[in-house]
Each structure stands twice: as C-alpha cells, then as structure tokens.
Amino acid sequence: MRLTIQNHALTVEIDTLGAQLASIRAPDGTEYLWQGNPEIWARRAPMLFPVIGRLRDSAYLLDGVPYTIPQHGFARDMEFQVSGQTGQSLSLSISDTEATRAVYPFAFSLTVTYSLEGNTLVKAHRVENRSDQEMLFELGGHDGFRAPIEPGVPMSAYRIVLPQPSVRLYGMDERCLLTPKGEELPLEGGALPLTPASYGLDTLVMDAPAGHTAALVDQMGRARVTMSFPDFSYLGLWTQNKPFDTGYVCVEPWTTLPDAAFVGRELGDKAGIRRLAPGRSETLTYTTTFN
C-alpha cells in the first residue's frame, strides 16, 4: 500500500512494503526517485537492516553460532504498519517475528518516520532493543535517484560531488568482500563519475566524506539532490555496470561497513557495528534536499 505526504515543495509516496520510498515529485511534476525498471534494477529505495551487503558464505556468527540471512537483511521485504500519520509526516513500524528470530535472534522494534521540511525530506530510524541481551545491528539507506533527472541528457553529464579534494575507496575482492582502502584519489571539484566500474569496483565504498554530505549534481553544476547523514559513518555509491546508461545512482549512508576480508566472522567484528543495551533505543537520521 502506498501512502502520501505533501507540502508546497514536494509530494512523497511511501510504500508500506519495506517502508520504501516510491516517488518524490516537485510541483511541476519532476520525479527525482528512480522508478524501478525491472530490466535494470527493480527496487527503488530499500532499507538495509539488520545487516548491510553480502555476508561471507551468506552467514554471520553470533557467539559462535552461525545464522544465515539474506543480503541487506529482511526489513526491505517486510510489511510495515502505520504507527503515526499527518499531512507532512508518516511513521511506519515493524517488530520481530518468529521468522526474523530464526535468522536474527533479537526482540526489536524499528520505526521509520518520514517528514517534510520545505524541500527537504527527513528520514529518521528508531531502533529499540526489546531483548534481555545486548543487541547488535547495522542500518543503511539505498536510495536510488534518477540520473539524469530531465530527459535528453546523458548520465555521464551528472556527477556525485563530495565536499573534499580527494577520496580513498575500499577495495573489493572476487567474492565482493571489502578489502583495505587503496591510494588517495584526487577529485576535480570533488566530483566522482556515476559508474563505479570506472574504478573496477561493483560499488564505491568510503568512509563518510567531510561534513557527512554528498550531492548529485547536473550538467549545469546544480546540486539537484543533496544528502546529509551525520549519524552514519560510511557511504556507498552504486549503479549497475551496464553497457548503456542505467539512468540512476544510489546514494547509501551506512552505519557499518559490509562484510570485509579484514574482519572476523562474528557480527560484533563488523566495522561500525551498532550496539544497544537491553531496553535501550537510538534514532539515526539522514536528510535529502531536492532542487
């Protein structure tokens, strides 16, 4: 089911399946969000919880016990329930089930709240540990934006711009596990191309850039989409490696690095893993501004 929040600047549709964004439109009808072409990439903006990315052998260890869990976790494929709604905000929630506990043995609740502040969309994730033990989790965004936003412009005319002169990317082995960061790469005007394959990688993965911001910039040098993610320590940029313009790029703030060749198999070994004491909660927020 799709629900809508709206103000003078934006109309945003949200799907209760996965609490996923379905559309972000300006008053003139401009659509900012990738619309999920199944021949290229069928999803739009899935949420990553309680793990991010692929796991070695599709499993992690928790106190030595192996658990098999899908890539990016299960939240993106769960039906969320409405827990609050106004004209300019919407809260959607899930909690643990028998099926989730089989792959992730914690009692939890996850509430995602979308709200509009002018031309900025705020997305807040409240995670609560309802277990009687410390809870470990990862959380990330995977928001896909149209690139180009207007027709008739090649994708290569767009850039992701970071507020810094250089970047060090994590490497990736043949199993798509991260390897240590490579050499520092200079960025002309802070700009990165939209094709990760330019660097021989599936996904561009880096520590959060200066100011924890990244912008999708058009051929005129205008920042069309600017994401700010102060609560997230890492950033992923992804579009499929195709012999043609895919028409989208995902800007992905992550709390935690995906599985890496340089960490152990325990969930607690993951770089940036979040920890919640029993009965505690925390809220992690990022914002996206559209022009």
Foldseek 3Di string as FASTA:
>chain_A
DWDWADDQAWIWIFALFQSHTQWIAGPVGQTWWDHADVVFGRDTKHKQKQAAAAADVQWFDAVRRIAHADHSGDSNGDGWDWPDDDNFKTKTKDWDDPVRCRRAVFTKMWIWMWGDDRQKIKIKIKIWGQGQFKHKGKIKMWHKTFQVRDPPDFSQLKWKAFPDQWFWWWPADPVRATHHTDDIGGDDNRTDGQAPCVVPHQKTKGFQTVQNKMFIAGNVRDGFKMKGFPQAGMWIKHGGDDPGGSRIITIMGIQWDHHHPPFDRHSVRTGRIDIDHHGDMDMGMMMMGGD
